[in-house]
């Protein structure tokens, strides 16, 4: 059973028949997904998530985050990384140079270990 499918369908005011037609399955399939512990294949899950502009994780109830999960760039930061940057900015130039040296040395040592 898809935990949030019925709620999404009601929120968007879409009948089982209309949803089924939109993603290429029968109304009975939508009913089974909502009520009878029948799970669609991954392709159908993707179609459902795309139809409602959400994630598969939300449709199946794995997350409460309703919006579509967006790709994150390599420059996106988690809380710890952001904290490091904020703290780094508080340092004077000599302290920053010291931190830069430590990072450079770690990277050099890591490359050496990988090459062996």
N, C-alpha and C. Protein backbone atom coordinates (compact mmCIF):
# COMPACT_ATOMS: atom_id res chain seq x y z
N UNK A 1 0.84 -1.18 0.00
CA UNK A 1 0.00 0.00 0.00
C UNK A 1 0.89 1.24 0.00
N UNK A 2 0.55 2.19 -0.83
CA UNK A 2 1.30 3.43 -0.93
C UNK A 2 0.69 4.43 0.03
N UNK A 3 1.40 4.70 1.11
CA UNK A 3 0.88 5.46 2.25
C UNK A 3 0.27 6.80 1.86
N UNK A 4 0.92 7.55 0.99
CA UNK A 4 0.45 8.91 0.71
C UNK A 4 -0.28 9.06 -0.63
N UNK A 5 -0.47 7.99 -1.35
CA UNK A 5 -1.07 8.11 -2.68
C UNK A 5 -2.50 8.66 -2.61
N UNK A 6 -3.32 8.12 -1.74
CA UNK A 6 -4.70 8.58 -1.66
C UNK A 6 -4.75 10.05 -1.24
N UNK A 7 -3.92 10.44 -0.28
CA UNK A 7 -3.90 11.84 0.16
C UNK A 7 -3.48 12.77 -0.98
N UNK A 8 -2.48 12.36 -1.75
CA UNK A 8 -2.05 13.17 -2.89
C UNK A 8 -3.17 13.30 -3.92
N UNK A 9 -3.80 12.19 -4.18
CA UNK A 9 -4.87 12.19 -5.18
C UNK A 9 -6.01 13.11 -4.75
N UNK A 10 -6.36 13.06 -3.47
CA UNK A 10 -7.42 13.94 -2.96
C UNK A 10 -6.98 15.40 -2.97
N UNK A 11 -5.74 15.65 -2.58
CA UNK A 11 -5.22 17.01 -2.56
C UNK A 11 -5.28 17.64 -3.95
N UNK A 12 -4.97 16.85 -4.97
CA UNK A 12 -4.98 17.34 -6.35
C UNK A 12 -6.35 17.17 -7.02
N UNK A 13 -7.30 16.64 -6.24
CA UNK A 13 -8.67 16.44 -6.73
C UNK A 13 -8.70 15.61 -8.01
N UNK A 14 -8.03 14.47 -7.95
CA UNK A 14 -7.92 13.58 -9.10
C UNK A 14 -8.55 12.24 -8.74
N UNK A 15 -9.40 11.74 -9.60
CA UNK A 15 -10.02 10.44 -9.35
C UNK A 15 -9.02 9.32 -9.66
N UNK A 16 -9.32 8.13 -9.16
CA UNK A 16 -8.49 6.97 -9.47
C UNK A 16 -8.44 6.74 -10.97
N UNK A 17 -9.56 6.91 -11.64
CA UNK A 17 -9.64 6.70 -13.08
C UNK A 17 -8.75 7.69 -13.84
N UNK A 18 -8.84 8.96 -13.47
CA UNK A 18 -8.03 9.99 -14.14
C UNK A 18 -6.54 9.74 -13.91
N UNK A 19 -6.18 9.42 -12.68
CA UNK A 19 -4.79 9.14 -12.37
C UNK A 19 -4.30 7.92 -13.14
N UNK A 20 -5.10 6.86 -13.14
CA UNK A 20 -4.73 5.66 -13.89
C UNK A 20 -4.50 5.95 -15.36
N UNK A 21 -5.43 6.70 -15.95
CA UNK A 21 -5.29 7.06 -17.37
C UNK A 21 -4.02 7.88 -17.60
N UNK A 22 -3.71 8.76 -16.69
CA UNK A 22 -2.55 9.65 -16.86
C UNK A 22 -1.24 8.89 -16.82
N UNK A 23 -1.17 7.82 -16.03
CA UNK A 23 0.10 7.09 -15.92
C UNK A 23 0.06 5.74 -16.63
N UNK A 24 -1.06 5.41 -17.25
CA UNK A 24 -1.12 4.19 -18.06
C UNK A 24 -1.43 2.91 -17.31
N UNK A 25 -2.21 3.02 -16.21
CA UNK A 25 -2.67 1.82 -15.50
C UNK A 25 -4.17 1.93 -15.32
N UNK A 26 -4.79 0.88 -14.86
CA UNK A 26 -6.24 0.89 -14.68
C UNK A 26 -6.64 1.55 -13.36
N UNK A 27 -7.91 1.92 -13.29
CA UNK A 27 -8.46 2.45 -12.04
C UNK A 27 -8.34 1.41 -10.94
N UNK A 28 -8.53 0.14 -11.29
CA UNK A 28 -8.43 -0.93 -10.31
C UNK A 28 -7.02 -1.03 -9.73
N UNK A 29 -6.01 -0.77 -10.57
CA UNK A 29 -4.63 -0.80 -10.08
C UNK A 29 -4.41 0.30 -9.06
N UNK A 30 -4.91 1.49 -9.35
CA UNK A 30 -4.77 2.60 -8.40
C UNK A 30 -5.45 2.24 -7.09
N UNK A 31 -6.64 1.66 -7.17
CA UNK A 31 -7.36 1.24 -5.97
C UNK A 31 -6.55 0.23 -5.17
N UNK A 32 -5.94 -0.71 -5.85
CA UNK A 32 -5.13 -1.73 -5.16
C UNK A 32 -3.89 -1.09 -4.52
N UNK A 33 -3.27 -0.13 -5.20
CA UNK A 33 -2.11 0.55 -4.63
C UNK A 33 -2.49 1.28 -3.34
N UNK A 34 -3.70 1.83 -3.32
CA UNK A 34 -4.14 2.62 -2.17
C UNK A 34 -4.67 1.76 -1.02
N UNK A 35 -5.26 0.63 -1.32
CA UNK A 35 -6.02 -0.07 -0.29
C UNK A 35 -5.68 -1.54 -0.05
N UNK A 36 -4.94 -2.17 -0.91
CA UNK A 36 -4.83 -3.62 -0.80
C UNK A 36 -3.40 -4.14 -0.73
N UNK A 37 -2.49 -3.34 -0.23
CA UNK A 37 -1.09 -3.75 -0.08
C UNK A 37 -0.46 -4.28 -1.36
N UNK A 38 -0.89 -3.74 -2.48
CA UNK A 38 -0.26 -4.07 -3.76
C UNK A 38 0.67 -2.92 -4.10
N UNK A 39 1.89 -3.26 -4.45
CA UNK A 39 2.86 -2.23 -4.76
C UNK A 39 3.22 -2.25 -6.24
N UNK A 40 3.28 -1.07 -6.85
CA UNK A 40 3.63 -1.00 -8.27
C UNK A 40 5.13 -1.19 -8.47
N UNK A 41 5.51 -1.43 -9.71
CA UNK A 41 6.93 -1.53 -10.02
C UNK A 41 7.56 -0.13 -9.95
N UNK A 42 8.86 -0.10 -9.99
CA UNK A 42 9.59 1.16 -9.82
C UNK A 42 9.24 2.17 -10.93
N UNK A 43 9.02 1.70 -12.12
CA UNK A 43 8.65 2.59 -13.23
C UNK A 43 7.34 3.30 -12.91
N UNK A 44 6.36 2.57 -12.41
CA UNK A 44 5.06 3.16 -12.06
C UNK A 44 5.20 4.11 -10.88
N UNK A 45 6.03 3.74 -9.91
CA UNK A 45 6.28 4.64 -8.78
C UNK A 45 6.85 5.98 -9.27
N UNK A 46 7.76 5.90 -10.22
CA UNK A 46 8.34 7.13 -10.78
C UNK A 46 7.27 7.96 -11.48
N UNK A 47 6.41 7.31 -12.23
CA UNK A 47 5.32 8.02 -12.91
C UNK A 47 4.39 8.70 -11.90
N UNK A 48 4.07 8.00 -10.81
CA UNK A 48 3.22 8.58 -9.77
C UNK A 48 3.89 9.80 -9.14
N UNK A 49 5.15 9.66 -8.79
CA UNK A 49 5.88 10.76 -8.16
C UNK A 49 5.96 11.95 -9.12
N UNK A 50 6.25 11.69 -10.37
CA UNK A 50 6.33 12.78 -11.35
C UNK A 50 4.97 13.45 -11.55
N UNK A 51 3.91 12.66 -11.57
CA UNK A 51 2.57 13.21 -11.76
C UNK A 51 2.24 14.22 -10.67
N UNK A 52 2.60 13.89 -9.43
CA UNK A 52 2.29 14.76 -8.29
C UNK A 52 3.45 15.70 -7.93
N UNK A 53 4.49 15.70 -8.75
CA UNK A 53 5.67 16.54 -8.53
C UNK A 53 6.22 16.36 -7.11
N UNK A 54 6.42 15.11 -6.75
CA UNK A 54 6.97 14.77 -5.45
C UNK A 54 8.00 13.67 -5.64
N UNK A 55 8.44 13.06 -4.55
CA UNK A 55 9.43 11.99 -4.65
C UNK A 55 8.77 10.64 -4.43
N UNK A 56 9.41 9.61 -4.90
CA UNK A 56 8.95 8.25 -4.63
C UNK A 56 8.93 8.02 -3.12
N UNK A 57 9.94 8.53 -2.43
CA UNK A 57 10.00 8.37 -0.97
C UNK A 57 8.74 8.91 -0.30
N UNK A 58 8.23 10.03 -0.79
CA UNK A 58 7.01 10.59 -0.20
C UNK A 58 5.80 9.73 -0.55
N UNK A 59 5.69 9.30 -1.78
CA UNK A 59 4.54 8.50 -2.20
C UNK A 59 4.42 7.24 -1.34
N UNK A 60 5.54 6.59 -1.07
CA UNK A 60 5.49 5.34 -0.30
C UNK A 60 5.50 5.56 1.21
N UNK A 61 5.66 6.81 1.65
CA UNK A 61 5.62 7.10 3.08
C UNK A 61 6.94 7.01 3.79
N UNK A 62 8.03 7.01 3.04
CA UNK A 62 9.36 6.90 3.64
C UNK A 62 9.83 8.23 4.21
N UNK A 63 9.24 9.34 3.72
CA UNK A 63 9.57 10.67 4.23
C UNK A 63 8.30 11.50 4.32
N UNK A 64 8.33 12.51 5.16
CA UNK A 64 7.22 13.45 5.25
C UNK A 64 7.47 14.70 4.41
N UNK A 65 8.59 14.73 3.72
CA UNK A 65 8.93 15.88 2.87
C UNK A 65 8.18 15.71 1.55
N UNK A 66 7.21 16.58 1.34
CA UNK A 66 6.33 16.41 0.18
C UNK A 66 6.92 16.92 -1.12
N UNK A 67 7.78 17.93 -1.04
CA UNK A 67 8.29 18.49 -2.29
C UNK A 67 9.28 17.53 -2.95
N UNK A 68 9.42 17.70 -4.24
CA UNK A 68 10.34 16.87 -5.01
C UNK A 68 11.77 17.10 -4.53
N UNK A 69 12.51 16.05 -4.39
CA UNK A 69 13.89 16.15 -3.95
C UNK A 69 14.72 16.65 -5.12
N UNK A 70 15.44 17.74 -4.88
CA UNK A 70 16.23 18.34 -5.95
C UNK A 70 17.67 17.87 -5.87
N UNK A 71 18.31 17.81 -7.01
CA UNK A 71 19.71 17.45 -7.02
C UNK A 71 20.53 18.54 -6.34
N UNK A 72 21.54 18.11 -5.64
CA UNK A 72 22.41 19.04 -4.93
C UNK A 72 23.73 19.11 -5.67
N UNK A 73 24.25 20.31 -5.77
CA UNK A 73 25.53 20.46 -6.45
C UNK A 73 26.67 20.07 -5.53
N UNK A 74 27.84 19.93 -6.10
CA UNK A 74 29.03 19.60 -5.32
C UNK A 74 29.36 20.68 -4.30
N UNK A 75 28.86 21.87 -4.51
CA UNK A 75 29.17 22.97 -3.60
C UNK A 75 28.13 23.14 -2.50
N UNK A 76 27.09 22.32 -2.49
CA UNK A 76 26.11 22.40 -1.41
C UNK A 76 26.77 21.90 -0.13
N UNK A 77 26.42 22.53 0.98
CA UNK A 77 27.07 22.22 2.25
C UNK A 77 26.09 21.64 3.25
N UNK A 78 26.57 20.67 4.03
CA UNK A 78 25.77 20.23 5.16
C UNK A 78 26.05 21.16 6.34
N UNK A 79 25.38 20.96 7.46
CA UNK A 79 25.51 21.87 8.60
C UNK A 79 26.93 21.93 9.15
N UNK A 80 27.59 20.79 9.21
CA UNK A 80 28.96 20.76 9.75
C UNK A 80 29.92 21.52 8.83
N UNK A 81 29.80 21.33 7.53
CA UNK A 81 30.67 22.02 6.58
C UNK A 81 30.43 23.53 6.64
N UNK A 82 29.18 23.92 6.73
CA UNK A 82 28.86 25.34 6.83
C UNK A 82 29.45 25.94 8.11
N UNK A 83 29.38 25.20 9.19
CA UNK A 83 29.97 25.65 10.46
C UNK A 83 31.48 25.85 10.33
N UNK A 84 32.16 24.91 9.65
CA UNK A 84 33.61 25.05 9.44
C UNK A 84 33.94 26.32 8.66
N UNK A 85 33.16 26.59 7.64
CA UNK A 85 33.41 27.78 6.83
C UNK A 85 33.19 29.05 7.65
N UNK A 86 32.12 29.07 8.42
CA UNK A 86 31.85 30.25 9.26
C UNK A 86 32.99 30.47 10.26
N UNK A 87 33.46 29.39 10.85
CA UNK A 87 34.57 29.51 11.80
C UNK A 87 35.86 29.92 11.11
N UNK A 88 36.11 29.39 9.93
CA UNK A 88 37.30 29.74 9.15
C UNK A 88 37.32 31.24 8.87
N UNK A 89 36.19 31.80 8.56
CA UNK A 89 36.09 33.23 8.25
C UNK A 89 36.39 34.11 9.46
N UNK A 90 36.26 33.56 10.63
CA UNK A 90 36.55 34.32 11.86
C UNK A 90 38.05 34.38 12.16
N UNK A 91 38.85 33.57 11.48
CA UNK A 91 40.28 33.51 11.75
C UNK A 91 41.02 34.66 11.09
N UNK A 92 42.18 34.98 11.68
CA UNK A 92 43.03 35.99 11.02
C UNK A 92 43.81 35.30 9.89
N UNK A 93 44.55 36.05 9.13
CA UNK A 93 45.23 35.50 7.95
C UNK A 93 46.25 34.43 8.30
N UNK A 94 46.98 34.57 9.40
CA UNK A 94 47.96 33.55 9.80
C UNK A 94 47.26 32.25 10.19
N UNK A 95 46.16 32.36 10.89
CA UNK A 95 45.40 31.17 11.29
C UNK A 95 44.82 30.46 10.06
N UNK A 96 44.32 31.26 9.13
CA UNK A 96 43.79 30.68 7.89
C UNK A 96 44.90 29.97 7.12
N UNK A 97 46.08 30.57 7.09
CA UNK A 97 47.21 29.95 6.39
C UNK A 97 47.57 28.61 7.04
N UNK A 98 47.50 28.56 8.36
CA UNK A 98 47.79 27.32 9.08
C UNK A 98 46.78 26.23 8.72
N UNK A 99 45.51 26.59 8.70
CA UNK A 99 44.45 25.64 8.34
C UNK A 99 44.63 25.18 6.89
N UNK A 100 44.95 26.11 6.00
CA UNK A 100 45.19 25.77 4.59
C UNK A 100 46.33 24.76 4.46
N UNK A 101 47.36 24.96 5.26
CA UNK A 101 48.52 24.05 5.24
C UNK A 101 48.11 22.65 5.70
N UNK A 102 47.32 22.57 6.75
CA UNK A 102 46.86 21.26 7.26
C UNK A 102 46.03 20.55 6.19
N UNK A 103 45.11 21.27 5.56
CA UNK A 103 44.27 20.67 4.52
C UNK A 103 45.13 20.19 3.35
N UNK A 104 46.07 21.03 2.92
CA UNK A 104 46.96 20.66 1.82
C UNK A 104 47.74 19.40 2.15
N UNK A 105 48.27 19.31 3.36
CA UNK A 105 49.03 18.13 3.77
C UNK A 105 48.16 16.87 3.81
N UNK A 106 46.94 17.00 4.30
CA UNK A 106 46.04 15.85 4.31
C UNK A 106 45.76 15.37 2.89
N UNK A 107 45.53 16.30 1.99
CA UNK A 107 45.25 15.93 0.60
C UNK A 107 46.47 15.28 -0.04
N UNK A 108 47.65 15.82 0.20
CA UNK A 108 48.88 15.22 -0.35
C UNK A 108 49.05 13.81 0.18
N UNK A 109 48.88 13.61 1.47
CA UNK A 109 49.04 12.28 2.07
C UNK A 109 48.00 11.31 1.54
N UNK A 110 46.81 11.77 1.32
CA UNK A 110 45.76 10.92 0.79
C UNK A 110 46.10 10.46 -0.63
N UNK A 111 46.64 11.37 -1.44
CA UNK A 111 47.02 11.02 -2.81
C UNK A 111 48.15 10.01 -2.80
N UNK A 112 49.09 10.18 -1.92
CA UNK A 112 50.23 9.24 -1.83
C UNK A 112 49.73 7.85 -1.46
N UNK A 113 48.81 7.76 -0.50
CA UNK A 113 48.27 6.48 -0.06
C UNK A 113 47.50 5.81 -1.18
N UNK A 114 46.76 6.56 -1.96
CA UNK A 114 45.98 6.01 -3.05
C UNK A 114 46.89 5.47 -4.15
N UNK A 115 47.98 6.17 -4.42
CA UNK A 115 48.87 5.79 -5.53
C UNK A 115 49.62 4.50 -5.23
N UNK A 116 49.87 4.20 -3.98
CA UNK A 116 50.63 3.00 -3.66
C UNK A 116 49.85 1.78 -3.89
